[in-house]
Amino acid sequence: MINSNNEQGYLDLLKHVLSTGTEKGDRTGTGTLSHFGAQLRFDLASGFPLLTTKKVHFKSIAYELFWFLSGSTHVDYLQANGVRIWNEWATVEQTARFNRPAGDLGPVYGHQWRNYGATKDEDGNYHADGVDQITQVIEQIKTNPNSRRLIVSGWNPGEADQVALPPCHTMFQFFVADNKLSCQLYQRSADLFLLFPYNDNSQYELLAA
């Protein structure tokens, strides 16, 4: 399903899920109304589509994106900039399950984007020998814009169970046509009412802007 390119499209999707969504269980035991494969499109040439149906903390959106791009997996950068959205996943209790110190989230987004497939030393620390997907995709956009392989993956099947929260936004692909850049995000899971106006929508539009 492809919705319109403005906020009304988002509201229409919420209404559609409420009226036709399928009841499903989930890992939290809360239960969900689910719809599979919905799609929204936004034209950045018409302005930045920051949704207004809830209060959106743009500072958290920006600093979390910078954190991803830096390749860091420790929350110290976020906390130093007043961003608390990963704190509940970075506690001693959470990280101890993976034999990591508090604050170290393991191979989450930044690691996969900047050091995908890296090997570990005997202490479990990652070497810097993985694939830097961000550098590669930027270089390809510049030198081979017709490529259909302008893809960055945050989902690594071999490491998805090594983090408290496996990536929800699993991959994104760029497309260049008529000297214009488009970005398409694929998500395995999205809380449309709570989180979509935050990172699922605005963060990747900021990345593509």
N, C-alpha and C. Protein backbone atom coordinates (compact mmCIF):
# COMPACT_ATOMS: atom_id res chain seq x y z
N MET A 1 0.84 -1.19 0.00
CA MET A 1 0.00 0.00 0.00
C MET A 1 0.88 1.24 0.00
N ILE A 2 0.64 2.13 -0.90
CA ILE A 2 1.39 3.38 -0.98
C ILE A 2 0.45 4.53 -0.63
N ASN A 3 0.82 5.28 0.37
CA ASN A 3 0.00 6.40 0.81
C ASN A 3 0.51 7.71 0.23
N SER A 4 -0.23 8.76 0.46
CA SER A 4 0.12 10.07 -0.08
C SER A 4 1.38 10.60 0.58
N ASN A 5 1.91 11.68 0.02
CA ASN A 5 3.23 12.15 0.42
C ASN A 5 3.18 13.25 1.46
N ASN A 6 2.18 13.26 2.29
CA ASN A 6 2.09 14.28 3.33
C ASN A 6 1.59 13.67 4.62
N GLU A 7 1.38 14.51 5.61
CA GLU A 7 0.97 13.99 6.92
C GLU A 7 -0.37 13.28 6.88
N GLN A 8 -1.23 13.67 5.97
CA GLN A 8 -2.52 13.00 5.87
C GLN A 8 -2.35 11.52 5.53
N GLY A 9 -1.33 11.22 4.74
CA GLY A 9 -1.06 9.83 4.42
C GLY A 9 -0.76 9.02 5.67
N TYR A 10 0.01 9.61 6.58
CA TYR A 10 0.32 8.95 7.85
C TYR A 10 -0.94 8.74 8.67
N LEU A 11 -1.78 9.75 8.75
CA LEU A 11 -3.03 9.63 9.50
C LEU A 11 -3.94 8.58 8.88
N ASP A 12 -3.97 8.51 7.55
CA ASP A 12 -4.77 7.50 6.88
C ASP A 12 -4.27 6.10 7.21
N LEU A 13 -2.95 5.95 7.31
CA LEU A 13 -2.39 4.65 7.63
C LEU A 13 -2.75 4.24 9.05
N LEU A 14 -2.70 5.18 10.01
CA LEU A 14 -3.11 4.87 11.37
C LEU A 14 -4.56 4.42 11.42
N LYS A 15 -5.41 5.12 10.69
CA LYS A 15 -6.82 4.74 10.65
C LYS A 15 -7.00 3.36 10.03
N HIS A 16 -6.23 3.09 9.00
CA HIS A 16 -6.32 1.79 8.33
C HIS A 16 -5.91 0.66 9.27
N VAL A 17 -4.82 0.86 10.03
CA VAL A 17 -4.37 -0.17 10.96
C VAL A 17 -5.39 -0.37 12.08
N LEU A 18 -5.97 0.71 12.58
CA LEU A 18 -6.96 0.60 13.64
C LEU A 18 -8.21 -0.15 13.19
N SER A 19 -8.60 0.06 11.95
CA SER A 19 -9.86 -0.52 11.47
C SER A 19 -9.69 -1.91 10.86
N THR A 20 -8.51 -2.21 10.29
CA THR A 20 -8.36 -3.48 9.58
C THR A 20 -7.16 -4.31 10.07
N GLY A 21 -6.40 -3.79 11.05
CA GLY A 21 -5.21 -4.49 11.51
C GLY A 21 -5.53 -5.85 12.12
N THR A 22 -4.57 -6.75 12.04
CA THR A 22 -4.70 -8.10 12.58
C THR A 22 -4.14 -8.15 13.99
N GLU A 23 -4.88 -8.73 14.91
CA GLU A 23 -4.39 -8.86 16.27
C GLU A 23 -3.30 -9.92 16.32
N LYS A 24 -2.16 -9.54 16.89
CA LYS A 24 -1.02 -10.45 16.99
C LYS A 24 -0.37 -10.32 18.36
N GLY A 25 0.20 -11.41 18.84
CA GLY A 25 0.99 -11.35 20.06
C GLY A 25 2.37 -10.79 19.76
N ASP A 26 3.12 -10.50 20.81
CA ASP A 26 4.47 -9.96 20.63
C ASP A 26 5.32 -10.35 21.83
N ARG A 27 6.62 -10.05 21.76
CA ARG A 27 7.57 -10.49 22.80
C ARG A 27 7.29 -9.84 24.15
N THR A 28 6.64 -8.69 24.17
CA THR A 28 6.39 -7.99 25.43
C THR A 28 5.11 -8.46 26.11
N GLY A 29 4.28 -9.19 25.39
CA GLY A 29 3.01 -9.63 25.94
C GLY A 29 1.92 -8.58 25.88
N THR A 30 2.22 -7.44 25.26
CA THR A 30 1.26 -6.35 25.18
C THR A 30 0.18 -6.63 24.15
N GLY A 31 0.59 -7.20 23.01
CA GLY A 31 -0.34 -7.40 21.90
C GLY A 31 -0.33 -6.23 20.95
N THR A 32 -0.56 -6.49 19.69
CA THR A 32 -0.52 -5.44 18.68
C THR A 32 -1.65 -5.58 17.68
N LEU A 33 -1.91 -4.48 17.00
CA LEU A 33 -2.69 -4.51 15.77
C LEU A 33 -1.68 -4.32 14.64
N SER A 34 -1.61 -5.26 13.73
CA SER A 34 -0.53 -5.25 12.74
C SER A 34 -1.06 -5.19 11.31
N HIS A 35 -0.26 -4.51 10.49
CA HIS A 35 -0.48 -4.49 9.05
C HIS A 35 0.88 -4.66 8.39
N PHE A 36 0.98 -5.56 7.45
CA PHE A 36 2.28 -5.87 6.86
C PHE A 36 2.46 -5.17 5.52
N GLY A 37 3.60 -4.51 5.35
CA GLY A 37 3.99 -4.00 4.03
C GLY A 37 3.47 -2.64 3.65
N ALA A 38 2.99 -1.85 4.61
CA ALA A 38 2.55 -0.50 4.27
C ALA A 38 3.73 0.36 3.85
N GLN A 39 3.45 1.37 3.06
CA GLN A 39 4.51 2.24 2.57
C GLN A 39 4.04 3.68 2.53
N LEU A 40 4.89 4.59 2.99
CA LEU A 40 4.64 6.02 2.91
C LEU A 40 5.75 6.67 2.10
N ARG A 41 5.42 7.70 1.36
CA ARG A 41 6.40 8.44 0.56
C ARG A 41 6.32 9.92 0.90
N PHE A 42 7.49 10.54 1.01
CA PHE A 42 7.57 11.97 1.31
C PHE A 42 8.53 12.63 0.33
N ASP A 43 8.11 13.78 -0.18
CA ASP A 43 8.93 14.54 -1.12
C ASP A 43 9.66 15.63 -0.37
N LEU A 44 10.99 15.45 -0.20
CA LEU A 44 11.77 16.43 0.55
C LEU A 44 11.88 17.76 -0.17
N ALA A 45 11.64 17.76 -1.49
CA ALA A 45 11.66 19.02 -2.23
C ALA A 45 10.52 19.94 -1.78
N SER A 46 9.52 19.36 -1.13
CA SER A 46 8.38 20.14 -0.65
C SER A 46 8.54 20.57 0.80
N GLY A 47 9.71 20.27 1.38
CA GLY A 47 9.97 20.63 2.76
C GLY A 47 10.20 19.40 3.61
N PHE A 48 10.77 19.61 4.79
CA PHE A 48 11.07 18.49 5.68
C PHE A 48 9.78 18.05 6.37
N PRO A 49 9.36 16.81 6.18
CA PRO A 49 8.05 16.37 6.68
C PRO A 49 8.08 15.89 8.13
N LEU A 50 8.38 16.81 9.05
CA LEU A 50 8.34 16.47 10.46
C LEU A 50 6.88 16.39 10.89
N LEU A 51 6.44 15.20 11.28
CA LEU A 51 5.04 15.00 11.61
C LEU A 51 4.66 15.77 12.87
N THR A 52 3.41 16.23 12.93
CA THR A 52 2.98 17.10 14.02
C THR A 52 1.92 16.45 14.90
N THR A 53 1.65 15.16 14.72
CA THR A 53 0.62 14.49 15.49
C THR A 53 1.07 14.17 16.92
N LYS A 54 2.34 14.32 17.21
CA LYS A 54 2.86 14.17 18.56
C LYS A 54 4.08 15.06 18.70
N LYS A 55 4.49 15.33 19.94
CA LYS A 55 5.69 16.13 20.16
C LYS A 55 6.90 15.32 19.75
N VAL A 56 7.72 15.87 18.89
CA VAL A 56 8.90 15.18 18.37
C VAL A 56 10.15 15.91 18.84
N HIS A 57 11.04 15.19 19.52
CA HIS A 57 12.27 15.78 20.05
C HIS A 57 13.34 15.71 18.97
N PHE A 58 13.44 16.77 18.16
CA PHE A 58 14.32 16.74 17.00
C PHE A 58 15.79 16.59 17.41
N LYS A 59 16.16 17.12 18.56
CA LYS A 59 17.55 16.99 19.02
C LYS A 59 17.92 15.52 19.16
N SER A 60 17.02 14.70 19.70
CA SER A 60 17.30 13.27 19.83
C SER A 60 17.42 12.61 18.47
N ILE A 61 16.58 13.01 17.54
CA ILE A 61 16.64 12.46 16.18
C ILE A 61 18.01 12.71 15.58
N ALA A 62 18.48 13.96 15.67
CA ALA A 62 19.74 14.34 15.04
C ALA A 62 20.93 13.67 15.72
N TYR A 63 20.98 13.74 17.06
CA TYR A 63 22.15 13.19 17.75
C TYR A 63 22.20 11.67 17.66
N GLU A 64 21.05 11.01 17.64
CA GLU A 64 21.08 9.56 17.46
C GLU A 64 21.61 9.21 16.08
N LEU A 65 21.21 9.96 15.05
CA LEU A 65 21.73 9.73 13.71
C LEU A 65 23.24 9.95 13.67
N PHE A 66 23.72 11.04 14.28
CA PHE A 66 25.17 11.28 14.33
C PHE A 66 25.89 10.13 15.03
N TRP A 67 25.26 9.62 16.08
CA TRP A 67 25.82 8.49 16.83
C TRP A 67 25.92 7.25 15.95
N PHE A 68 24.87 6.95 15.21
CA PHE A 68 24.92 5.83 14.26
C PHE A 68 26.08 6.01 13.28
N LEU A 69 26.15 7.20 12.69
CA LEU A 69 27.15 7.46 11.66
C LEU A 69 28.57 7.41 12.21
N SER A 70 28.73 7.69 13.49
CA SER A 70 30.06 7.65 14.09
C SER A 70 30.58 6.23 14.26
N GLY A 71 29.67 5.26 14.24
CA GLY A 71 30.05 3.87 14.45
C GLY A 71 30.09 3.47 15.91
N SER A 72 29.79 4.38 16.81
CA SER A 72 29.85 4.09 18.24
C SER A 72 28.72 3.16 18.66
N THR A 73 28.99 2.35 19.68
CA THR A 73 27.95 1.49 20.24
C THR A 73 27.81 1.72 21.75
N HIS A 74 28.42 2.76 22.26
CA HIS A 74 28.33 3.11 23.67
C HIS A 74 27.48 4.37 23.81
N VAL A 75 26.66 4.43 24.85
CA VAL A 75 25.71 5.54 24.97
C VAL A 75 26.34 6.82 25.54
N ASP A 76 27.63 6.83 25.81
CA ASP A 76 28.23 8.02 26.43
C ASP A 76 28.05 9.26 25.57
N TYR A 77 28.18 9.12 24.24
CA TYR A 77 27.99 10.28 23.35
C TYR A 77 26.57 10.82 23.46
N LEU A 78 25.59 9.93 23.46
CA LEU A 78 24.21 10.36 23.57
C LEU A 78 23.95 11.05 24.90
N GLN A 79 24.41 10.44 25.97
CA GLN A 79 24.17 11.00 27.29
C GLN A 79 24.86 12.35 27.46
N ALA A 80 26.04 12.48 26.87
CA ALA A 80 26.76 13.76 26.96
C ALA A 80 26.00 14.87 26.25
N ASN A 81 25.14 14.50 25.31
CA ASN A 81 24.36 15.49 24.56
C ASN A 81 22.89 15.51 24.97
N GLY A 82 22.61 14.94 26.14
CA GLY A 82 21.27 15.04 26.69
C GLY A 82 20.24 14.16 26.02
N VAL A 83 20.67 13.08 25.37
CA VAL A 83 19.76 12.16 24.70
C VAL A 83 19.68 10.87 25.51
N ARG A 84 18.49 10.52 25.97
CA ARG A 84 18.33 9.42 26.93
C ARG A 84 17.60 8.20 26.34
N ILE A 85 17.34 8.20 25.06
CA ILE A 85 16.45 7.20 24.49
C ILE A 85 16.98 5.78 24.52
N TRP A 86 18.31 5.60 24.69
CA TRP A 86 18.87 4.26 24.75
C TRP A 86 19.22 3.85 26.18
N ASN A 87 18.93 4.68 27.15
CA ASN A 87 19.36 4.41 28.52
C ASN A 87 18.83 3.09 29.07
N GLU A 88 17.58 2.77 28.76
CA GLU A 88 16.99 1.56 29.34
C GLU A 88 17.64 0.29 28.80
N TRP A 89 18.30 0.40 27.65
CA TRP A 89 18.98 -0.76 27.06
C TRP A 89 20.44 -0.81 27.49
N ALA A 90 20.90 0.20 28.21
CA ALA A 90 22.33 0.32 28.53
C ALA A 90 22.63 0.14 30.01
N THR A 91 21.67 -0.36 30.77
CA THR A 91 21.88 -0.54 32.19
C THR A 91 22.79 -1.74 32.46
N VAL A 92 23.29 -1.82 33.68
CA VAL A 92 24.13 -2.96 34.07
C VAL A 92 23.39 -4.27 33.87
N GLU A 93 22.10 -4.28 34.24
CA GLU A 93 21.32 -5.51 34.12
C GLU A 93 21.17 -5.95 32.67
N GLN A 94 20.93 -5.00 31.78
CA GLN A 94 20.75 -5.32 30.37
C GLN A 94 22.05 -5.79 29.74
N THR A 95 23.12 -5.04 29.94
CA THR A 95 24.38 -5.35 29.25
C THR A 95 25.08 -6.56 29.85
N ALA A 96 24.81 -6.86 31.14
CA ALA A 96 25.44 -8.03 31.78
C ALA A 96 25.02 -9.32 31.11
N ARG A 97 23.84 -9.33 30.51
CA ARG A 97 23.37 -10.53 29.82
C ARG A 97 24.28 -10.91 28.66
N PHE A 98 25.00 -9.91 28.15
CA PHE A 98 25.89 -10.14 27.01
C PHE A 98 27.36 -10.00 27.42
N ASN A 99 27.57 -9.98 28.74
CA ASN A 99 28.93 -9.88 29.28
C ASN A 99 29.63 -8.61 28.80
N ARG A 100 28.89 -7.49 28.85
CA ARG A 100 29.44 -6.19 28.45
C ARG A 100 29.25 -5.20 29.59
N PRO A 101 30.11 -4.20 29.69
CA PRO A 101 29.94 -3.19 30.73
C PRO A 101 28.72 -2.32 30.44
N ALA A 102 28.21 -1.69 31.48
CA ALA A 102 27.06 -0.80 31.32
C ALA A 102 27.37 0.27 30.28
N GLY A 103 26.42 0.56 29.45
CA GLY A 103 26.58 1.58 28.42
C GLY A 103 26.98 1.04 27.07
N ASP A 104 27.55 -0.16 27.03
CA ASP A 104 27.99 -0.76 25.77
C ASP A 104 26.86 -1.63 25.23
N LEU A 105 26.29 -1.22 24.11
CA LEU A 105 25.11 -1.88 23.56
C LEU A 105 25.43 -3.02 22.60
N GLY A 106 26.72 -3.26 22.35
CA GLY A 106 27.07 -4.34 21.43
C GLY A 106 26.91 -3.92 19.97
N PRO A 107 26.82 -4.88 19.06
CA PRO A 107 26.84 -4.57 17.62
C PRO A 107 25.51 -4.02 17.09
N VAL A 108 25.14 -2.83 17.58
CA VAL A 108 23.91 -2.19 17.13
C VAL A 108 24.18 -1.39 15.85
N TYR A 109 23.30 -0.47 15.53
CA TYR A 109 23.31 0.20 14.22
C TYR A 109 24.68 0.73 13.79
N GLY A 110 25.30 1.52 14.65
CA GLY A 110 26.57 2.15 14.26
C GLY A 110 27.62 1.13 13.89
N HIS A 111 27.69 0.05 14.64
CA HIS A 111 28.65 -1.02 14.33
C HIS A 111 28.36 -1.63 12.97
N GLN A 112 27.11 -1.95 12.72
CA GLN A 112 26.77 -2.59 11.44
C GLN A 112 26.98 -1.64 10.26
N TRP A 113 26.68 -0.38 10.45
CA TRP A 113 26.86 0.59 9.36
C TRP A 113 28.32 0.81 9.02
N ARG A 114 29.20 0.83 10.06
CA ARG A 114 30.57 1.26 9.84
C ARG A 114 31.61 0.14 9.96
N ASN A 115 31.21 -1.05 10.46
CA ASN A 115 32.20 -2.11 10.67
C ASN A 115 31.54 -3.49 10.56
N TYR A 116 30.71 -3.62 9.54
CA TYR A 116 29.91 -4.84 9.36
C TYR A 116 30.81 -6.06 9.14
N GLY A 117 30.52 -7.12 9.89
CA GLY A 117 31.27 -8.36 9.71
C GLY A 117 32.64 -8.38 10.33
N ALA A 118 32.93 -7.44 11.21
CA ALA A 118 34.26 -7.36 11.84
C ALA A 118 34.53 -8.59 12.71
N THR A 119 35.78 -8.96 12.83
CA THR A 119 36.18 -10.07 13.70
C THR A 119 36.46 -9.55 15.11
N LYS A 120 36.51 -10.49 16.06
CA LYS A 120 36.77 -10.14 17.45
C LYS A 120 38.10 -10.70 17.92
N ASP A 121 38.66 -10.03 18.95
CA ASP A 121 39.84 -10.60 19.59
C ASP A 121 39.40 -11.54 20.71
N GLU A 122 40.33 -12.09 21.43
CA GLU A 122 40.00 -13.09 22.45
C GLU A 122 39.23 -12.52 23.62
N ASP A 123 39.23 -11.20 23.77
CA ASP A 123 38.47 -10.55 24.84
C ASP A 123 37.09 -10.10 24.38
N GLY A 124 36.76 -10.41 23.11
CA GLY A 124 35.45 -10.04 22.60
C GLY A 124 35.38 -8.65 22.02
N ASN A 125 36.52 -7.97 21.90
CA ASN A 125 36.55 -6.63 21.30
C ASN A 125 36.65 -6.75 19.78
N TYR A 126 35.93 -5.87 19.09
CA TYR A 126 35.92 -5.92 17.63
C TYR A 126 37.16 -5.27 17.02
N HIS A 127 37.71 -5.91 15.99
CA HIS A 127 38.75 -5.30 15.18
C HIS A 127 38.09 -4.34 14.19
N ALA A 128 38.87 -3.45 13.64
CA ALA A 128 38.37 -2.50 12.64
C ALA A 128 38.59 -3.06 11.24
N ASP A 129 38.15 -4.31 11.04
CA ASP A 129 38.39 -4.97 9.75
C ASP A 129 37.09 -5.32 9.02
N GLY A 130 36.00 -4.72 9.47
CA GLY A 130 34.72 -4.98 8.82
C GLY A 130 34.48 -4.04 7.64
N VAL A 131 33.29 -4.11 7.09
CA VAL A 131 32.91 -3.29 5.93
C VAL A 131 32.32 -1.97 6.41
N ASP A 132 32.87 -0.86 5.95
CA ASP A 132 32.32 0.46 6.24
C ASP A 132 31.27 0.75 5.16
N GLN A 133 30.04 0.40 5.46
CA GLN A 133 28.98 0.51 4.45
C GLN A 133 28.67 1.96 4.09
N ILE A 134 28.80 2.87 5.06
CA ILE A 134 28.49 4.28 4.79
C ILE A 134 29.50 4.87 3.81
N THR A 135 30.80 4.63 4.07
CA THR A 135 31.82 5.12 3.15
C THR A 135 31.63 4.53 1.76
N GLN A 136 31.34 3.25 1.70
CA GLN A 136 31.15 2.59 0.40
C GLN A 136 29.97 3.16 -0.36
N VAL A 137 28.84 3.36 0.32
CA VAL A 137 27.66 3.82 -0.41
C VAL A 137 27.82 5.27 -0.87
N ILE A 138 28.50 6.10 -0.07
CA ILE A 138 28.75 7.48 -0.50
C ILE A 138 29.64 7.49 -1.73
N GLU A 139 30.69 6.67 -1.71
CA GLU A 139 31.59 6.60 -2.86
C GLU A 139 30.86 6.11 -4.10
N GLN A 140 29.98 5.13 -3.93
CA GLN A 140 29.23 4.60 -5.07
C GLN A 140 28.24 5.62 -5.62
N ILE A 141 27.62 6.39 -4.74
CA ILE A 141 26.70 7.44 -5.21
C ILE A 141 27.45 8.46 -6.06
N LYS A 142 28.69 8.76 -5.65
CA LYS A 142 29.49 9.74 -6.39
C LYS A 142 30.01 9.18 -7.71
N THR A 143 30.45 7.93 -7.71
CA THR A 143 31.16 7.39 -8.87
C THR A 143 30.32 6.47 -9.75
N ASN A 144 29.27 5.90 -9.18
CA ASN A 144 28.44 4.95 -9.93
C ASN A 144 26.98 5.13 -9.54
N PRO A 145 26.42 6.31 -9.80
CA PRO A 145 25.06 6.61 -9.32
C PRO A 145 23.98 5.72 -9.92
N ASN A 146 24.26 5.05 -11.03
CA ASN A 146 23.27 4.17 -11.64
C ASN A 146 23.21 2.80 -10.97
N SER A 147 24.08 2.57 -10.00
CA SER A 147 24.11 1.28 -9.33
C SER A 147 22.79 0.98 -8.62
N ARG A 148 22.41 -0.28 -8.67
CA ARG A 148 21.23 -0.74 -7.92
C ARG A 148 21.65 -1.42 -6.63
N ARG A 149 22.88 -1.17 -6.21
CA ARG A 149 23.43 -1.79 -5.01
C ARG A 149 23.78 -0.76 -3.94
N LEU A 150 23.09 0.36 -3.96
CA LEU A 150 23.38 1.43 -3.00
C LEU A 150 22.62 1.14 -1.70
N ILE A 151 23.05 0.10 -1.01
CA ILE A 151 22.32 -0.45 0.13
C ILE A 151 23.20 -0.45 1.38
N VAL A 152 22.59 -0.11 2.50
CA VAL A 152 23.23 -0.23 3.80
C VAL A 152 22.34 -1.12 4.67
N SER A 153 22.93 -2.15 5.25
CA SER A 153 22.17 -3.10 6.07
C SER A 153 22.53 -2.96 7.54
N GLY A 154 21.52 -2.84 8.37
CA GLY A 154 21.73 -2.85 9.81
C GLY A 154 21.45 -4.20 10.42
N TRP A 155 20.97 -5.13 9.60
CA TRP A 155 20.61 -6.46 10.08
C TRP A 155 21.71 -7.44 9.73
N ASN A 156 22.35 -7.97 10.76
CA ASN A 156 23.37 -8.99 10.60
C ASN A 156 22.86 -10.24 11.31
N PRO A 157 22.44 -11.27 10.56
CA PRO A 157 21.83 -12.45 11.19
C PRO A 157 22.73 -13.09 12.23
N GLY A 158 24.05 -13.02 12.03
CA GLY A 158 24.97 -13.64 12.96
C GLY A 158 25.11 -12.89 14.27
N GLU A 159 24.63 -11.64 14.33
CA GLU A 159 24.80 -10.84 15.55
C GLU A 159 23.48 -10.26 16.06
N ALA A 160 22.37 -10.58 15.42
CA ALA A 160 21.08 -10.00 15.80
C ALA A 160 20.67 -10.39 17.21
N ASP A 161 21.17 -11.52 17.70
CA ASP A 161 20.81 -11.96 19.04
C ASP A 161 21.84 -11.54 20.09
N GLN A 162 22.77 -10.67 19.71
CA GLN A 162 23.82 -10.24 20.63
C GLN A 162 23.58 -8.83 21.16
N VAL A 163 22.41 -8.29 20.90
CA VAL A 163 22.05 -6.96 21.37
C VAL A 163 20.70 -7.05 22.08
N ALA A 164 20.48 -6.13 23.02
CA ALA A 164 19.22 -6.14 23.76
C ALA A 164 18.04 -5.87 22.85
N LEU A 165 18.25 -5.04 21.84
CA LEU A 165 17.18 -4.67 20.92
C LEU A 165 17.69 -4.80 19.49
N PRO A 166 17.35 -5.88 18.79
CA PRO A 166 17.76 -6.03 17.39
C PRO A 166 17.20 -4.88 16.55
N PRO A 167 17.89 -4.52 15.46
CA PRO A 167 17.47 -3.35 14.68
C PRO A 167 16.06 -3.48 14.12
N CYS A 168 15.27 -2.43 14.31
CA CYS A 168 13.93 -2.38 13.73
C CYS A 168 14.01 -1.88 12.28
N HIS A 169 14.78 -0.81 12.06
CA HIS A 169 14.99 -0.35 10.68
C HIS A 169 16.21 -1.11 10.16
N THR A 170 15.95 -2.10 9.33
CA THR A 170 16.95 -3.12 9.02
C THR A 170 17.84 -2.78 7.84
N MET A 171 17.34 -2.04 6.87
CA MET A 171 18.18 -1.68 5.72
C MET A 171 17.60 -0.46 5.02
N PHE A 172 18.46 0.26 4.30
CA PHE A 172 17.97 1.36 3.47
C PHE A 172 18.75 1.37 2.17
N GLN A 173 18.09 1.86 1.14
CA GLN A 173 18.66 1.86 -0.21
C GLN A 173 18.51 3.24 -0.82
N PHE A 174 19.58 3.69 -1.47
CA PHE A 174 19.54 4.95 -2.21
C PHE A 174 19.31 4.69 -3.69
N PHE A 175 18.72 5.68 -4.34
CA PHE A 175 18.44 5.60 -5.77
C PHE A 175 18.68 6.99 -6.36
N VAL A 176 19.44 7.06 -7.44
CA VAL A 176 19.75 8.33 -8.08
C VAL A 176 19.15 8.36 -9.48
N ALA A 177 18.36 9.38 -9.75
CA ALA A 177 17.76 9.56 -11.08
C ALA A 177 17.57 11.05 -11.32
N ASP A 178 17.89 11.50 -12.52
CA ASP A 178 17.76 12.92 -12.87
C ASP A 178 18.51 13.80 -11.88
N ASN A 179 19.65 13.30 -11.41
CA ASN A 179 20.51 14.02 -10.49
C ASN A 179 19.82 14.31 -9.15
N LYS A 180 18.86 13.46 -8.81
CA LYS A 180 18.15 13.58 -7.54
C LYS A 180 18.32 12.28 -6.75
N LEU A 181 18.46 12.44 -5.43
CA LEU A 181 18.70 11.30 -4.56
C LEU A 181 17.41 10.92 -3.83
N SER A 182 17.08 9.64 -3.89
CA SER A 182 15.96 9.10 -3.12
C SER A 182 16.50 8.07 -2.14
N CYS A 183 15.76 7.89 -1.04
CA CYS A 183 16.14 6.90 -0.04
C CYS A 183 14.90 6.12 0.37
N GLN A 184 15.02 4.81 0.38
CA GLN A 184 13.93 3.95 0.80
C GLN A 184 14.37 3.11 1.99
N LEU A 185 13.58 3.13 3.04
CA LEU A 185 13.87 2.40 4.27
C LEU A 185 12.96 1.19 4.38
N TYR A 186 13.55 0.06 4.79
CA TYR A 186 12.74 -1.13 5.09
C TYR A 186 12.82 -1.41 6.58
N GLN A 187 11.66 -1.62 7.18
CA GLN A 187 11.61 -1.94 8.60
C GLN A 187 10.96 -3.29 8.82
N ARG A 188 11.52 -4.06 9.74
CA ARG A 188 10.89 -5.32 10.11
C ARG A 188 9.75 -5.09 11.10
N SER A 189 9.82 -3.96 11.82
CA SER A 189 8.84 -3.66 12.86
C SER A 189 8.80 -2.16 13.08
N ALA A 190 7.61 -1.62 13.28
CA ALA A 190 7.50 -0.18 13.52
C ALA A 190 6.28 0.10 14.40
N ASP A 191 6.48 0.84 15.47
CA ASP A 191 5.37 1.31 16.28
C ASP A 191 4.86 2.59 15.65
N LEU A 192 3.82 2.46 14.84
CA LEU A 192 3.35 3.59 14.04
C LEU A 192 2.86 4.75 14.90
N PHE A 193 2.22 4.45 16.03
CA PHE A 193 1.63 5.50 16.83
C PHE A 193 2.65 6.20 17.72
N LEU A 194 3.68 5.48 18.15
CA LEU A 194 4.62 6.06 19.11
C LEU A 194 5.92 6.51 18.46
N LEU A 195 6.61 5.60 17.76
CA LEU A 195 7.97 5.88 17.31
C LEU A 195 8.08 6.33 15.86
N PHE A 196 7.11 6.02 15.02
CA PHE A 196 7.27 6.34 13.61
C PHE A 196 7.51 7.83 13.36
N PRO A 197 6.78 8.74 14.00
CA PRO A 197 7.06 10.16 13.75
C PRO A 197 8.46 10.57 14.19
N TYR A 198 9.07 9.75 15.04
CA TYR A 198 10.40 10.07 15.56
C TYR A 198 11.47 9.59 14.59
N ASN A 199 12.04 8.40 14.83
CA ASN A 199 13.18 8.01 13.99
C ASN A 199 12.76 7.38 12.67
N ASP A 200 11.66 6.62 12.68
CA ASP A 200 11.32 5.86 11.49
C ASP A 200 10.99 6.78 10.31
N ASN A 201 10.49 7.94 10.61
CA ASN A 201 10.16 8.89 9.55
C ASN A 201 11.26 9.94 9.41
N SER A 202 11.45 10.74 10.43
CA SER A 202 12.30 11.92 10.32
C SER A 202 13.77 11.62 10.20
N GLN A 203 14.24 10.56 10.86
CA GLN A 203 15.68 10.30 10.89
C GLN A 203 16.24 9.99 9.52
N TYR A 204 15.56 9.18 8.75
CA TYR A 204 16.07 8.83 7.44
C TYR A 204 15.84 9.92 6.41
N GLU A 205 14.87 10.76 6.65
CA GLU A 205 14.72 11.93 5.79
C GLU A 205 15.85 12.93 6.07
N LEU A 206 16.26 13.03 7.32
CA LEU A 206 17.42 13.86 7.65
C LEU A 206 18.68 13.29 7.01
N LEU A 207 18.82 11.98 7.02
CA LEU A 207 19.98 11.33 6.41
C LEU A 207 20.05 11.61 4.92
N ALA A 208 18.89 11.60 4.26
CA ALA A 208 18.86 11.79 2.81
C ALA A 208 18.89 13.25 2.40
N ALA A 209 18.61 14.13 3.34
CA ALA A 209 18.48 15.56 3.00
C ALA A 209 19.82 16.17 2.58
